Amino acid sequence: MDLFPKYQEKEIKATKTASEEMWQLNKDLWDVHEVLEKGYDCSTSKRKPNILERCIRKGKFIFKAVVVDCGDYYQLIHFGKFGYKRR
């Protein structure tokens, strides 16, 4: 039984800050897994090569997950939600 979800054969783990961000949004690591699997690249600024920034749109909101490739696992450093308005 896997305790952590896996993305590209690596476990996804979260920092304390990212865990608190997910808790406030009532999300968990499986939601992060969904963003990484089904989302799109939404990097708004230049990031280091080992950092992934992926987004997924659900209804009026966009959920963003930022993870760092630590070699053996992915470390979630930010999870956020922001509004989306069609123009």
C-alpha atoms as a PDB file:
ATOM      1  CA  MET A   1       0.000   0.000   0.000  1.00  0.00           C
ATOM      2  CA  ASP A   2       1.358   3.387  -1.006  1.00  0.00           C
ATOM      3  CA  LEU A   3       1.068   6.137   1.574  1.00  0.00           C
ATOM      4  CA  PHE A   4       1.906   8.916  -0.868  1.00  0.00           C
ATOM      5  CA  PRO A   5       0.585   9.341  -4.426  1.00  0.00           C
ATOM      6  CA  LYS A   6       3.134   8.972  -7.209  1.00  0.00           C
ATOM      7  CA  TYR A   7       3.819  11.170 -10.233  1.00  0.00           C
ATOM      8  CA  GLN A   8       6.280   9.835 -12.832  1.00  0.00           C
ATOM      9  CA  GLU A   9       7.202   6.949 -10.480  1.00  0.00           C
ATOM     10  CA  LYS A  10       8.194   9.354  -7.653  1.00  0.00           C
ATOM     11  CA  GLU A  11       6.251   9.992  -4.455  1.00  0.00           C
ATOM     12  CA  ILE A  12       4.734  13.417  -3.828  1.00  0.00           C
ATOM     13  CA  LYS A  13       5.452  14.871  -0.387  1.00  0.00           C
ATOM     14  CA  ALA A  14       4.604  18.307   1.020  1.00  0.00           C
ATOM     15  CA  THR A  15       6.311  20.918   3.151  1.00  0.00           C
ATOM     16  CA  LYS A  16       4.556  22.107   6.295  1.00  0.00           C
ATOM     17  CA  THR A  17       3.581  25.393   4.642  1.00  0.00           C
ATOM     18  CA  ALA A  18       2.176  23.625   1.579  1.00  0.00           C
ATOM     19  CA  SER A  19       0.261  21.217   3.838  1.00  0.00           C
ATOM     20  CA  GLU A  20      -1.347  24.168   5.604  1.00  0.00           C
ATOM     21  CA  GLU A  21      -2.269  25.753   2.254  1.00  0.00           C
ATOM     22  CA  MET A  22      -3.925  22.500   1.153  1.00  0.00           C
ATOM     23  CA  TRP A  23      -5.716  22.140   4.496  1.00  0.00           C
ATOM     24  CA  GLN A  24      -7.238  25.627   4.162  1.00  0.00           C
ATOM     25  CA  LEU A  25      -8.569  24.675   0.716  1.00  0.00           C
ATOM     26  CA  ASN A  26      -9.787  21.219   1.866  1.00  0.00           C
ATOM     27  CA  LYS A  27      -7.425  19.485  -0.575  1.00  0.00           C
ATOM     28  CA  ASP A  28      -4.920  16.640  -0.170  1.00  0.00           C
ATOM     29  CA  LEU A  29      -1.956  15.114  -2.015  1.00  0.00           C
ATOM     30  CA  TRP A  30      -4.275  13.201  -4.337  1.00  0.00           C
ATOM     31  CA  ASP A  31      -5.631  16.539  -5.576  1.00  0.00           C
ATOM     32  CA  VAL A  32      -2.032  17.635  -6.190  1.00  0.00           C
ATOM     33  CA  HIS A  33      -1.504  14.406  -8.132  1.00  0.00           C
ATOM     34  CA  GLU A  34      -4.513  15.260 -10.311  1.00  0.00           C
ATOM     35  CA  VAL A  35      -3.149  18.760 -11.001  1.00  0.00           C
ATOM     36  CA  LEU A  36       0.230  17.311 -11.993  1.00  0.00           C
ATOM     37  CA  GLU A  37      -1.281  14.585 -14.201  1.00  0.00           C
ATOM     38  CA  LYS A  38      -4.100  16.485 -15.926  1.00  0.00           C
ATOM     39  CA  GLY A  39      -2.956  20.097 -15.595  1.00  0.00           C
ATOM     40  CA  TYR A  40      -1.024  22.358 -17.912  1.00  0.00           C
ATOM     41  CA  ASP A  41       2.255  24.224 -17.533  1.00  0.00           C
ATOM     42  CA  CYS A  42       1.454  27.673 -16.142  1.00  0.00           C
ATOM     43  CA  SER A  43       4.821  29.067 -15.197  1.00  0.00           C
ATOM     44  CA  THR A  44       4.483  32.869 -15.123  1.00  0.00           C
ATOM     45  CA  SER A  45       8.088  33.510 -14.184  1.00  0.00           C
ATOM     46  CA  LYS A  46      11.369  31.800 -14.932  1.00  0.00           C
ATOM     47  CA  ARG A  47      11.948  28.884 -12.578  1.00  0.00           C
ATOM     48  CA  LYS A  48      14.895  26.600 -11.972  1.00  0.00           C
ATOM     49  CA  PRO A  49      14.965  23.510 -14.222  1.00  0.00           C
ATOM     50  CA  ASN A  50      14.000  21.128 -11.392  1.00  0.00           C
ATOM     51  CA  ILE A  51      10.793  23.043 -10.453  1.00  0.00           C
ATOM     52  CA  LEU A  52       7.410  22.185 -12.008  1.00  0.00           C
ATOM     53  CA  GLU A  53       4.497  24.627 -11.913  1.00  0.00           C
ATOM     54  CA  ARG A  54       1.212  23.121 -13.116  1.00  0.00           C
ATOM     55  CA  CYS A  55      -2.366  24.434 -13.088  1.00  0.00           C
ATOM     56  CA  ILE A  56      -5.829  22.998 -13.642  1.00  0.00           C
ATOM     57  CA  ARG A  57      -9.090  24.880 -14.124  1.00  0.00           C
ATOM     58  CA  LYS A  58     -12.165  23.744 -12.225  1.00  0.00           C
ATOM     59  CA  GLY A  59     -15.232  25.903 -12.657  1.00  0.00           C
ATOM     60  CA  LYS A  60     -14.425  29.531 -11.868  1.00  0.00           C
ATOM     61  CA  PHE A  61     -11.131  28.713 -10.160  1.00  0.00           C
ATOM     62  CA  ILE A  62      -7.624  27.689 -11.136  1.00  0.00           C
ATOM     63  CA  PHE A  63      -5.622  25.455  -8.802  1.00  0.00           C
ATOM     64  CA  LYS A  64      -1.830  25.708  -8.939  1.00  0.00           C
ATOM     65  CA  ALA A  65       0.750  23.216  -7.660  1.00  0.00           C
ATOM     66  CA  VAL A  66       4.471  24.004  -7.502  1.00  0.00           C
ATOM     67  CA  VAL A  67       6.771  21.022  -6.891  1.00  0.00           C
ATOM     68  CA  VAL A  68      10.525  20.529  -6.715  1.00  0.00           C
ATOM     69  CA  ASP A  69      12.164  17.405  -8.132  1.00  0.00           C
ATOM     70  CA  CYS A  70      14.349  16.184  -5.253  1.00  0.00           C
ATOM     71  CA  GLY A  71      15.648  13.112  -7.072  1.00  0.00           C
ATOM     72  CA  ASP A  72      13.786  10.304  -5.273  1.00  0.00           C
ATOM     73  CA  TYR A  73      10.538  12.239  -4.739  1.00  0.00           C
ATOM     74  CA  TYR A  74       8.673  15.460  -5.585  1.00  0.00           C
ATOM     75  CA  GLN A  75       8.393  18.055  -2.802  1.00  0.00           C
ATOM     76  CA  LEU A  76       5.277  20.257  -2.934  1.00  0.00           C
ATOM     77  CA  ILE A  77       6.271  23.807  -1.988  1.00  0.00           C
ATOM     78  CA  HIS A  78       3.079  25.707  -2.897  1.00  0.00           C
ATOM     79  CA  PHE A  79      -0.580  24.938  -3.552  1.00  0.00           C
ATOM     80  CA  GLY A  80      -2.962  27.755  -4.337  1.00  0.00           C
ATOM     81  CA  LYS A  81      -6.325  28.721  -5.754  1.00  0.00           C
ATOM     82  CA  PHE A  82      -7.230  31.858  -7.635  1.00  0.00           C
ATOM     83  CA  GLY A  83     -10.167  33.135  -9.629  1.00  0.00           C
ATOM     84  CA  TYR A  84     -10.573  32.956 -13.366  1.00  0.00           C
ATOM     85  CA  LYS A  85     -12.654  35.396 -15.375  1.00  0.00           C
ATOM     86  CA  ARG A  86     -13.296  34.802 -19.060  1.00  0.00           C
ATOM     87  CA  ARG A  87     -12.711  37.910 -21.177  1.00  0.00           C
END
